[in-house]
Amino acid sequence: MGPGRKIGIVGTVVACALGASVLVAPTASAADPKVKLPDRIKATTGFPFEIPIKVKNDSAELRVDWGNGEHDNTYTGICTTSTPKQTTTCTGNARTTYYSPGEYTVTVMALSTESFANDEQSATPLDAATTVVTVDGAAVPKPFDLWREADVEVSPLPETSTTPVPFTVIATRENGAQACSAEFGTSKLEGPGPWQFTYDPVAAEREVTVRYCDGGYVDSYLNIRPSYSLSGPDVVSVTGEHSPKKVKPQWSVRSQSIVDANIELVRKGKVLDSAPLPAGGTADLKETLKAKNFPTGSTTLTVRATGTDGAVMEWPITVAKGWSALSYDNEPTFAPCSTVTWAYNKKGAPKSTSKMRKTARQAFKKLGKKTGLNFVETKPGDGVADIRISWGDLRHRGSSVAGVGGPAGDITLSTTSFWPRNSHAGMAKNTGRGVPGNGWLVMHEALHVLGLGHTDTHGELMSSRNYRDLAGFGKGDMGAIRSLYQPQSCT
């Protein structure tokens, strides 16, 4: 996981031919689970990394021994079933950070957990696998909690707020050691402090973390709350695959103010819906949004709360036409303008696909220019890349499925489809048989990783299988990229 990585959606697999979005539930198997790990992984001291885990025959709870005295529990949540042999393969990952260089033998064990009436549990080992992690870099301090030894002082803040409020943070420690940095939300400031941040009531982030050079840290929570908080979708698609051409989203606003308010849903100055919001209460907004009333791309609506004291809070709502998001919040998989690593693993690839690595490089170069992200290729064995391209038999998803991808970062290309073959290599608009160059297949799957779902709008790269005859980015594709990644802000 790279430093720019944000949390994506767990458990979603997107299939492409150009494919369909599906959530695959684990299926039981008579055979015991078999754990598979990479042979060797590289990591750097002080940087978190992930180990991809595969479990054949069934999903499983996993016990991870990191080889440094630490243990974790995780599970496999994304499962696919191969039709010919009815073999289930489930994937997951485990994450840690090493603080000293060296080689560590990691053991992952699949467990069968049984619960009893007295709430006790019993775990039975089913299978285990090991891998070696080679950690490079100088030793770095391991973080430790200083909650009894350090104190964080924050300048006075109001109890509630509707507007951004600057504040100052000062940290002291019993032994007099100075801090190295402080973090608040996505902001990180270096040095011993004091540090100045800004509280945003719309983001509602309240935790401050101060870090010391010896690895110590202390967390503190601000004594401030937003006067009004919003729940409901940040992004609404009116042309998602299989979705109706009109949708009826609803938003709820909760008041923590001592005065009454009025809430409104606004588009270009026109109020679409409104409701009274009593002090300390909750009120709802809802509206029928029709695809025909919106241009292709992204349209911004605004939810506005106005108190009788004149205080105002506003939240942007994105209406997506010609594209759809894989989540209900308008959050990208990676931080805008960040560096994203990718790796191509040719293991299992048919001989007729030898040009795919070169094609993938072309696709990511073009995608970087469109998104503002810096895509950097790494070797499959050099740690775990943010985006991982591999090969597999995808016939169980349908005869026309050429690839699958999702926000977890895995892209699987079909070993049986004609599309990944060399005869369709590159970024051409038409290579025959009704498909463009298979660089657009890679591009489509990579956009799934970036958080885009399918749309039923013709002429978009993220169109579903009935619209795969066109190459290039449509107005909807670019509206999605601008909405999620703000490439215009990248230098």
Protein backbone atom coordinates (compact mmCIF):
# COMPACT_ATOMS: atom_id res chain seq x y z
CA MET A 1 0.00 0.00 0.00
CA GLY A 2 1.57 3.28 -1.08
CA PRO A 3 1.65 6.46 1.01
CA GLY A 4 -1.13 7.98 -1.09
CA ARG A 5 -3.50 5.05 -0.59
CA LYS A 6 -6.94 5.68 0.84
CA ILE A 7 -9.33 3.09 2.10
CA GLY A 8 -11.43 1.54 -0.66
CA ILE A 9 -14.36 -0.87 -0.59
CA VAL A 10 -13.84 -4.27 0.96
CA GLY A 11 -15.46 -7.25 -0.70
CA THR A 12 -16.32 -5.81 -4.12
CA VAL A 13 -15.16 -7.47 -7.33
CA VAL A 14 -15.83 -5.82 -10.67
CA ALA A 15 -15.97 -8.01 -13.75
CA CYS A 16 -15.36 -6.77 -17.27
CA ALA A 17 -16.11 -7.82 -20.77
CA LEU A 18 -16.35 -4.97 -20.34
CA GLY A 19 -18.19 -6.87 -17.59
CA ALA A 20 -20.57 -6.39 -14.69
CA SER A 21 -20.15 -5.39 -11.06
CA VAL A 22 -20.82 -8.29 -8.73
CA LEU A 23 -20.43 -9.03 -5.04
CA VAL A 24 -19.40 -12.64 -4.70
CA ALA A 25 -20.34 -14.39 -1.46
CA PRO A 26 -18.08 -17.14 -0.10
CA THR A 27 -19.23 -20.66 -0.90
CA ALA A 28 -18.62 -23.74 1.18
CA SER A 29 -16.48 -26.60 -0.01
CA ALA A 30 -15.97 -30.13 1.20
CA ALA A 31 -12.18 -29.79 0.89
CA ASP A 32 -10.11 -28.12 3.61
CA PRO A 33 -8.87 -24.58 2.87
CA LYS A 34 -5.38 -24.29 1.36
CA VAL A 35 -3.40 -21.14 2.08
CA LYS A 36 -1.18 -19.62 -0.65
CA LEU A 37 1.30 -16.75 -0.20
CA PRO A 38 3.91 -15.03 -2.40
CA ASP A 39 7.31 -16.74 -2.24
CA ARG A 40 9.18 -13.64 -1.07
CA ILE A 41 8.31 -10.01 -0.34
CA LYS A 42 10.40 -6.87 0.11
CA ALA A 43 9.60 -4.08 2.56
CA THR A 44 11.21 -0.93 3.97
CA THR A 45 11.56 -0.09 7.64
CA GLY A 46 8.95 2.32 8.92
CA PHE A 47 6.60 1.93 5.94
CA PRO A 48 3.41 -0.14 6.16
CA PHE A 49 2.97 -2.88 3.55
CA GLU A 50 0.47 -5.63 2.77
CA ILE A 51 0.75 -9.34 2.08
CA PRO A 52 -1.83 -10.70 -0.38
CA ILE A 53 -3.33 -14.00 0.80
CA LYS A 54 -5.23 -16.60 -1.22
CA VAL A 55 -7.22 -19.45 0.30
CA LYS A 56 -8.43 -22.22 -1.99
CA ASN A 57 -11.59 -24.27 -1.37
CA ASP A 58 -13.26 -21.88 1.06
CA SER A 59 -13.13 -18.56 2.88
CA ALA A 60 -11.34 -18.61 6.22
CA GLU A 61 -10.37 -16.77 9.35
CA LEU A 62 -6.60 -16.29 9.32
CA ARG A 63 -3.99 -16.03 12.03
CA VAL A 64 -0.85 -14.13 10.93
CA ASP A 65 2.49 -14.54 12.73
CA TRP A 66 4.76 -11.77 11.47
CA GLY A 67 7.99 -13.40 12.66
CA ASN A 68 8.84 -10.53 15.02
CA GLY A 69 6.73 -11.61 17.98
CA GLU A 70 3.58 -9.90 16.75
CA HIS A 71 0.33 -11.56 15.62
CA ASP A 72 -2.81 -10.43 13.81
CA ASN A 73 -6.14 -11.92 12.82
CA THR A 74 -7.68 -11.25 9.43
CA TYR A 75 -9.97 -13.01 6.97
CA THR A 76 -10.60 -13.60 3.28
CA GLY A 77 -13.60 -11.64 2.05
CA ILE A 78 -13.52 -11.75 -1.77
CA CYS A 79 -14.32 -15.14 -3.29
CA THR A 80 -14.65 -16.49 -6.83
CA THR A 81 -15.70 -19.95 -7.95
CA SER A 82 -14.31 -21.71 -11.02
CA THR A 83 -17.11 -23.46 -12.89
CA PRO A 84 -15.26 -26.45 -14.42
CA LYS A 85 -13.92 -27.78 -11.12
CA GLN A 86 -16.14 -25.82 -8.73
CA THR A 87 -13.02 -24.57 -6.99
CA THR A 88 -13.46 -21.57 -4.71
CA THR A 89 -10.58 -19.10 -4.30
CA CYS A 90 -10.85 -16.40 -1.64
CA THR A 91 -8.47 -13.47 -1.26
CA GLY A 92 -7.59 -11.08 1.53
CA ASN A 93 -4.59 -9.25 2.91
CA ALA A 94 -2.70 -8.55 6.11
CA ARG A 95 -0.85 -5.35 6.92
CA THR A 96 2.02 -4.49 9.24
CA THR A 97 5.14 -2.34 9.58
CA TYR A 98 8.67 -3.52 10.46
CA TYR A 99 10.99 -1.15 12.31
CA SER A 100 14.23 -3.13 12.08
CA PRO A 101 15.91 -4.48 8.93
CA GLY A 102 16.34 -8.22 8.39
CA GLU A 103 14.53 -11.29 7.10
CA TYR A 104 11.28 -12.32 8.75
CA THR A 105 9.43 -15.59 8.20
CA VAL A 106 5.70 -14.89 8.12
CA THR A 107 3.24 -17.72 8.80
CA VAL A 108 -0.43 -17.49 7.85
CA MET A 109 -2.75 -20.13 9.29
CA ALA A 110 -6.36 -20.81 8.29
CA LEU A 111 -8.60 -21.50 11.28
CA SER A 112 -11.96 -23.11 11.87
CA THR A 113 -13.66 -21.22 14.70
CA GLU A 114 -16.44 -22.75 16.77
CA SER A 115 -18.55 -20.86 19.33
CA PHE A 116 -20.11 -22.44 22.41
CA ALA A 117 -23.12 -21.58 24.57
CA ASN A 118 -20.90 -20.02 27.26
CA ASP A 119 -19.55 -17.52 24.65
CA GLU A 120 -16.17 -19.24 24.53
CA GLN A 121 -14.57 -20.04 21.18
CA SER A 122 -12.32 -22.81 19.92
CA ALA A 123 -10.03 -22.38 16.89
CA THR A 124 -8.82 -25.43 14.95
CA PRO A 125 -5.85 -25.05 12.53
CA LEU A 126 -6.73 -26.20 8.99
CA ASP A 127 -3.74 -25.22 6.86
CA ALA A 128 -0.72 -22.91 6.97
CA ALA A 129 1.80 -21.33 4.59
CA THR A 130 4.93 -19.25 5.03
CA THR A 131 6.71 -16.48 3.15
CA VAL A 132 9.90 -14.53 3.77
CA VAL A 133 9.84 -10.74 4.08
CA THR A 134 13.16 -9.01 3.44
CA VAL A 135 13.17 -5.62 5.18
CA ASP A 136 15.67 -2.99 4.05
CA GLY A 137 16.52 0.40 5.53
CA ALA A 138 17.87 1.71 8.81
CA ALA A 139 16.23 0.85 12.11
CA VAL A 140 13.53 3.37 13.03
CA PRO A 141 11.77 3.92 16.36
CA LYS A 142 8.69 1.80 16.92
CA PRO A 143 5.63 3.85 17.90
CA PHE A 144 4.45 3.62 21.49
CA ASP A 145 1.61 5.33 23.34
CA LEU A 146 2.55 8.21 25.68
CA TRP A 147 -0.91 8.91 27.06
CA ARG A 148 0.38 9.04 30.65
CA GLU A 149 3.66 10.82 29.87
CA ALA A 150 2.71 13.54 27.38
CA ASP A 151 0.06 16.22 27.27
CA VAL A 152 -1.53 18.06 24.35
CA GLU A 153 -2.88 21.58 24.86
CA VAL A 154 -5.27 23.08 22.30
CA SER A 155 -6.17 26.76 22.12
CA PRO A 156 -9.78 27.55 23.16
CA LEU A 157 -12.48 26.36 20.75
CA PRO A 158 -16.23 26.94 20.68
CA GLU A 159 -18.47 24.02 21.65
CA THR A 160 -20.00 23.89 18.16
CA SER A 161 -19.25 25.60 14.86
CA THR A 162 -20.61 25.99 11.33
CA THR A 163 -17.45 27.53 9.86
CA PRO A 164 -13.74 26.56 9.82
CA VAL A 165 -11.94 27.42 13.05
CA PRO A 166 -8.13 27.76 13.33
CA PHE A 167 -6.50 26.40 16.47
CA THR A 168 -3.03 25.97 17.92
CA VAL A 169 -1.56 22.78 19.40
CA ILE A 170 1.23 22.65 21.99
CA ALA A 171 2.65 19.35 23.30
CA THR A 172 4.69 18.79 26.46
CA ARG A 173 6.32 15.64 27.82
CA GLU A 174 7.38 14.66 31.34
CA ASN A 175 11.01 14.00 30.38
CA GLY A 176 11.22 17.21 28.34
CA ALA A 177 11.69 15.46 24.98
CA GLN A 178 10.57 17.52 22.01
CA ALA A 179 8.07 16.34 19.42
CA CYS A 180 8.90 15.82 15.76
CA SER A 181 5.51 16.40 14.12
CA ALA A 182 1.76 16.71 14.56
CA GLU A 183 -1.13 15.42 12.42
CA PHE A 184 -4.74 16.51 12.07
CA GLY A 185 -6.92 14.95 9.38
CA THR A 186 -4.87 14.92 6.17
CA SER A 187 -2.50 17.66 7.40
CA LYS A 188 0.93 16.89 8.87
CA LEU A 189 3.24 19.58 10.21
CA GLU A 190 6.90 18.94 11.03
CA GLY A 191 8.89 20.35 13.94
CA PRO A 192 8.48 20.55 17.73
CA GLY A 193 5.50 22.92 17.60
CA PRO A 194 3.46 24.90 18.32
CA TRP A 195 1.41 23.81 15.28
CA GLN A 196 -1.59 25.54 13.76
CA PHE A 197 -4.41 23.62 12.10
CA THR A 198 -7.97 24.40 11.02
CA TYR A 199 -11.05 22.51 12.17
CA ASP A 200 -13.55 21.99 9.33
CA PRO A 201 -17.08 21.24 10.61
CA VAL A 202 -18.04 19.66 7.28
CA ALA A 203 -15.19 17.12 7.52
CA ALA A 204 -15.84 16.81 11.30
CA GLU A 205 -12.32 15.44 11.99
CA ARG A 206 -11.51 15.83 15.72
CA GLU A 207 -8.36 13.77 16.47
CA VAL A 208 -4.90 15.34 16.81
CA THR A 209 -1.80 13.10 16.93
CA VAL A 210 1.57 14.35 18.14
CA ARG A 211 4.63 12.20 17.30
CA TYR A 212 8.03 12.22 19.00
CA CYS A 213 11.37 11.33 17.41
CA ASP A 214 11.85 8.30 19.67
CA GLY A 215 8.62 6.72 18.35
CA GLY A 216 6.33 7.94 21.10
CA TYR A 217 2.97 9.46 20.21
CA VAL A 218 -0.08 10.86 21.96
CA ASP A 219 -3.64 11.39 20.68
CA SER A 220 -6.01 14.12 21.74
CA TYR A 221 -9.61 14.91 20.74
CA LEU A 222 -10.92 18.41 20.15
CA ASN A 223 -13.76 19.62 22.34
CA ILE A 224 -15.73 20.92 19.38
CA ARG A 225 -18.51 19.49 17.25
CA PRO A 226 -20.21 20.55 14.02
CA SER A 227 -23.42 22.45 14.67
CA TYR A 228 -25.07 20.30 12.02
CA SER A 229 -24.06 16.88 10.62
CA LEU A 230 -25.20 15.24 7.38
CA SER A 231 -25.85 11.58 6.58
CA GLY A 232 -26.72 10.30 3.12
CA PRO A 233 -24.92 9.77 -0.21
CA ASP A 234 -22.19 12.19 -1.29
CA VAL A 235 -22.52 10.95 -4.87
CA VAL A 236 -25.71 9.86 -6.66
CA SER A 237 -25.55 8.10 -10.03
CA VAL A 238 -28.51 8.53 -12.37
CA THR A 239 -27.02 6.25 -15.06
CA GLY A 240 -25.41 3.41 -13.16
CA GLU A 241 -25.53 -0.05 -14.70
CA HIS A 242 -28.97 -1.63 -14.23
CA SER A 243 -30.12 1.42 -12.25
CA PRO A 244 -33.34 3.31 -13.09
CA LYS A 245 -33.14 6.58 -15.00
CA LYS A 246 -34.54 8.31 -11.95
CA VAL A 247 -33.48 7.84 -8.34
CA LYS A 248 -34.89 9.05 -5.02
CA PRO A 249 -32.01 9.71 -2.60
CA GLN A 250 -32.59 10.97 0.93
CA TRP A 251 -30.40 12.98 3.28
CA SER A 252 -30.76 13.52 7.02
CA VAL A 253 -29.39 16.51 8.91
CA ARG A 254 -28.91 16.32 12.66
CA SER A 255 -28.72 19.46 14.77
CA GLN A 256 -26.41 19.96 17.74
CA SER A 257 -27.28 23.65 17.86
CA ILE A 258 -29.35 25.40 20.51
CA VAL A 259 -31.37 27.26 17.87
CA ASP A 260 -33.88 26.08 15.27
CA ALA A 261 -32.84 25.90 11.62
CA ASN A 262 -34.10 25.28 8.12
CA ILE A 263 -32.49 22.81 5.72
CA GLU A 264 -32.61 22.96 1.91
CA LEU A 265 -31.51 20.96 -1.12
CA VAL A 266 -30.36 23.50 -3.71
CA ARG A 267 -29.41 23.35 -7.37
CA LYS A 268 -28.15 26.52 -9.06
CA GLY A 269 -29.97 28.69 -6.58
CA LYS A 270 -33.26 26.79 -6.90
CA VAL A 271 -34.59 25.07 -3.79
CA LEU A 272 -35.61 21.49 -4.63
CA ASP A 273 -36.71 20.49 -1.13
CA SER A 274 -36.71 22.03 2.35
CA ALA A 275 -37.68 21.14 5.91
CA PRO A 276 -37.64 22.72 9.37
CA LEU A 277 -34.91 21.46 11.71
CA PRO A 278 -35.61 21.89 15.42
CA ALA A 279 -32.73 22.52 17.83
CA GLY A 280 -31.19 19.17 18.80
CA GLY A 281 -33.42 17.33 16.33
CA THR A 282 -33.24 15.65 12.91
CA ALA A 283 -34.88 16.48 9.57
CA ASP A 284 -34.85 14.80 6.15
CA LEU A 285 -34.52 15.97 2.56
CA LYS A 286 -35.44 13.93 -0.48
CA GLU A 287 -35.79 14.52 -4.20
CA THR A 288 -36.43 12.54 -7.36
CA LEU A 289 -33.45 13.03 -9.68
CA LYS A 290 -34.08 12.23 -13.36
CA ALA A 291 -31.21 11.51 -15.73
CA LYS A 292 -32.78 13.60 -18.51
CA ASN A 293 -32.51 16.72 -16.33
CA PHE A 294 -28.71 16.56 -15.96
CA PRO A 295 -25.82 16.98 -18.43
CA THR A 296 -23.30 14.17 -18.86
CA GLY A 297 -20.51 14.53 -16.30
CA SER A 298 -20.91 15.85 -12.77
CA THR A 299 -23.48 18.26 -11.35
CA THR A 300 -23.18 19.71 -7.85
CA LEU A 301 -26.17 20.02 -5.56
CA THR A 302 -25.93 21.61 -2.14
CA VAL A 303 -27.47 20.63 1.17
CA ARG A 304 -27.69 23.78 3.26
CA ALA A 305 -28.57 24.27 6.93
CA THR A 306 -29.41 27.82 8.04
CA GLY A 307 -29.96 28.56 11.72
CA THR A 308 -32.23 31.29 13.05
CA ASP A 309 -29.02 32.90 14.32
CA GLY A 310 -27.86 33.28 10.71
CA ALA A 311 -25.20 30.53 10.88
CA VAL A 312 -24.93 28.45 7.68
CA MET A 313 -23.39 25.04 6.84
CA GLU A 314 -23.22 23.56 3.35
CA TRP A 315 -22.35 20.12 1.97
CA PRO A 316 -21.69 19.40 -1.76
CA ILE A 317 -23.59 16.50 -3.35
CA THR A 318 -22.39 15.13 -6.70
CA VAL A 319 -24.92 13.91 -9.26
CA ALA A 320 -23.13 11.56 -11.66
CA LYS A 321 -24.43 11.09 -15.20
CA GLY A 322 -22.46 8.93 -17.60
CA TRP A 323 -20.51 7.42 -14.70
CA SER A 324 -21.05 5.84 -11.33
CA ALA A 325 -19.02 5.40 -8.17
CA LEU A 326 -18.47 2.14 -6.31
CA SER A 327 -19.39 3.74 -3.00
CA TYR A 328 -21.88 6.24 -1.62
CA ASP A 329 -19.25 8.76 -0.64
CA ASN A 330 -17.28 10.70 -3.19
CA GLU A 331 -13.92 9.40 -1.96
CA PRO A 332 -11.13 8.25 -4.29
CA THR A 333 -9.24 5.01 -3.73
CA PHE A 334 -5.95 6.96 -3.71
CA ALA A 335 -5.18 10.50 -2.59
CA PRO A 336 -5.33 12.96 -5.52
CA CYS A 337 -1.97 13.77 -7.12
CA SER A 338 -0.26 10.91 -5.22
CA THR A 339 2.12 8.19 -6.45
CA VAL A 340 0.50 4.82 -7.17
CA THR A 341 2.61 1.71 -7.78
CA TRP A 342 1.62 -1.10 -10.14
CA ALA A 343 3.11 -4.48 -11.01
CA TYR A 344 2.57 -6.95 -13.83
CA ASN A 345 2.91 -10.67 -13.08
CA LYS A 346 3.16 -12.77 -16.24
CA LYS A 347 2.82 -16.09 -14.39
CA GLY A 348 0.19 -18.20 -16.14
CA ALA A 349 -0.12 -15.82 -19.10
CA PRO A 350 -0.68 -17.47 -22.52
CA LYS A 351 2.21 -17.13 -24.98
CA SER A 352 -0.09 -15.15 -27.26
CA THR A 353 -0.18 -12.27 -24.70
CA SER A 354 3.54 -11.42 -24.57
CA LYS A 355 2.85 -7.74 -25.45
CA MET A 356 0.54 -7.13 -22.49
CA ARG A 357 3.22 -5.70 -20.18
CA LYS A 358 4.18 -3.08 -22.77
CA THR A 359 0.51 -2.36 -23.35
CA ALA A 360 -0.09 -1.92 -19.62
CA ARG A 361 2.73 0.62 -19.49
CA GLN A 362 1.04 2.58 -22.28
CA ALA A 363 -2.30 2.44 -20.47
CA PHE A 364 -0.94 3.67 -17.13
CA LYS A 365 1.04 6.45 -18.81
CA LYS A 366 -2.14 7.69 -20.47
CA LEU A 367 -4.18 7.23 -17.29
CA GLY A 368 -1.63 9.25 -15.32
CA LYS A 369 -2.04 12.21 -17.67
CA LYS A 370 -5.82 12.09 -17.28
CA THR A 371 -5.96 11.60 -13.49
CA GLY A 372 -2.92 13.51 -12.23
CA LEU A 373 -1.73 10.36 -10.44
CA ASN A 374 1.92 9.31 -10.77
CA PHE A 375 1.85 5.62 -11.77
CA VAL A 376 5.17 3.87 -11.10
CA GLU A 377 5.87 0.30 -12.21
CA THR A 378 7.48 -2.08 -9.72
CA LYS A 379 8.51 -5.72 -9.97
CA PRO A 380 5.96 -8.28 -8.71
CA GLY A 381 8.39 -9.41 -5.98
CA ASP A 382 9.26 -5.91 -4.72
CA GLY A 383 6.74 -5.64 -1.91
CA VAL A 384 3.06 -5.35 -2.74
CA ALA A 385 2.14 -2.82 -5.40
CA ASP A 386 -1.02 -0.72 -5.07
CA ILE A 387 -2.32 -2.21 -8.35
CA ARG A 388 -1.46 -5.83 -9.19
CA ILE A 389 -2.10 -7.31 -12.65
CA SER A 390 -2.20 -11.11 -12.89
CA TRP A 391 -3.80 -13.86 -14.99
CA GLY A 392 -6.58 -16.36 -14.31
CA ASP A 393 -9.39 -18.45 -15.79
CA LEU A 394 -12.48 -16.21 -15.70
CA ARG A 395 -14.91 -18.40 -17.67
CA HIS A 396 -17.01 -18.86 -14.54
CA ARG A 397 -17.94 -15.17 -14.86
CA GLY A 398 -19.17 -15.54 -18.41
CA SER A 399 -17.78 -16.41 -21.81
CA SER A 400 -17.16 -12.76 -22.77
CA VAL A 401 -15.43 -11.63 -19.57
CA ALA A 402 -11.88 -10.50 -20.37
CA GLY A 403 -10.85 -9.07 -17.03
CA VAL A 404 -11.93 -8.15 -13.52
CA GLY A 405 -10.79 -5.41 -11.17
CA GLY A 406 -11.82 -3.64 -7.98
CA PRO A 407 -10.71 -1.10 -5.35
CA ALA A 408 -8.70 -3.73 -3.44
CA GLY A 409 -6.10 -3.27 -6.21
CA ASP A 410 -6.22 -6.62 -8.02
CA ILE A 411 -6.71 -6.81 -11.80
CA THR A 412 -7.08 -10.29 -13.26
CA LEU A 413 -6.90 -10.80 -17.04
CA SER A 414 -8.53 -13.80 -18.66
CA THR A 415 -6.31 -16.62 -19.89
CA THR A 416 -9.07 -17.81 -22.24
CA SER A 417 -10.44 -14.58 -23.78
CA PHE A 418 -9.31 -13.50 -27.23
CA TRP A 419 -9.06 -9.83 -26.25
CA PRO A 420 -5.76 -9.88 -24.24
CA ARG A 421 -3.93 -11.54 -27.16
CA ASN A 422 -1.13 -9.80 -29.08
CA SER A 423 -3.37 -9.33 -32.11
CA HIS A 424 -5.28 -6.74 -30.07
CA ALA A 425 -2.28 -5.16 -28.28
CA GLY A 426 -1.93 -1.43 -27.75
CA MET A 427 -4.29 1.52 -27.62
CA ALA A 428 -5.84 1.37 -31.10
CA LYS A 429 -9.47 2.40 -31.49
CA ASN A 430 -10.34 -0.77 -33.39
CA THR A 431 -8.30 -3.95 -33.71
CA GLY A 432 -11.06 -6.11 -35.16
CA ARG A 433 -13.77 -8.37 -33.71
CA GLY A 434 -15.54 -5.27 -32.41
CA VAL A 435 -13.00 -4.32 -29.73
CA PRO A 436 -10.34 -1.61 -29.34
CA GLY A 437 -6.75 -2.33 -28.34
CA ASN A 438 -6.51 -4.24 -25.08
CA GLY A 439 -4.81 -1.27 -23.44
CA TRP A 440 -8.38 0.00 -23.04
CA LEU A 441 -9.23 -3.23 -21.25
CA VAL A 442 -6.42 -2.50 -18.76
CA MET A 443 -7.60 1.10 -18.52
CA HIS A 444 -11.19 0.04 -17.79
CA GLU A 445 -10.11 -2.32 -15.03
CA ALA A 446 -7.71 0.25 -13.57
CA LEU A 447 -10.58 2.74 -13.35
CA HIS A 448 -12.50 0.15 -11.34
CA VAL A 449 -9.53 0.11 -8.96
CA LEU A 450 -9.70 3.91 -8.79
CA GLY A 451 -13.31 3.65 -7.61
CA LEU A 452 -15.45 3.88 -10.76
CA GLY A 453 -18.34 1.51 -11.42
CA HIS A 454 -20.16 0.74 -14.65
CA THR A 455 -22.53 3.06 -16.43
CA ASP A 456 -25.19 2.23 -19.03
CA THR A 457 -24.33 5.35 -21.06
CA HIS A 458 -23.10 4.69 -24.61
CA GLY A 459 -19.68 6.06 -25.56
CA GLU A 460 -18.08 5.87 -22.11
CA LEU A 461 -15.01 3.79 -21.29
CA MET A 462 -16.84 2.60 -18.18
CA SER A 463 -19.88 1.49 -20.15
CA SER A 464 -21.03 -2.06 -19.58
CA ARG A 465 -20.59 -4.90 -22.08
CA ASN A 466 -23.16 -3.68 -24.61
CA TYR A 467 -21.12 -0.51 -25.23
CA ARG A 468 -17.55 -1.78 -25.55
CA ASP A 469 -17.19 -0.83 -29.21
CA LEU A 470 -15.66 2.59 -28.49
CA ALA A 471 -12.19 3.50 -27.20
CA GLY A 472 -11.26 6.68 -25.39
CA PHE A 473 -12.62 8.71 -22.50
CA GLY A 474 -16.17 10.01 -22.69
CA LYS A 475 -17.66 13.06 -20.97
CA GLY A 476 -18.89 10.85 -18.14
CA ASP A 477 -15.46 9.23 -17.64
CA MET A 478 -13.80 12.64 -17.41
CA GLY A 479 -16.52 13.95 -15.11
CA ALA A 480 -15.77 11.05 -12.77
CA ILE A 481 -12.02 11.62 -12.88
CA ARG A 482 -12.38 15.34 -12.20
CA SER A 483 -14.83 14.72 -9.37
CA LEU A 484 -12.72 12.08 -7.62
CA TYR A 485 -9.12 13.07 -8.40
CA GLN A 486 -9.07 16.82 -9.27
CA PRO A 487 -6.26 16.42 -11.85
CA GLN A 488 -6.36 20.17 -12.51
CA SER A 489 -4.88 20.70 -9.02
CA CYS A 490 -1.81 18.53 -9.69
CA THR A 491 1.47 20.09 -10.76
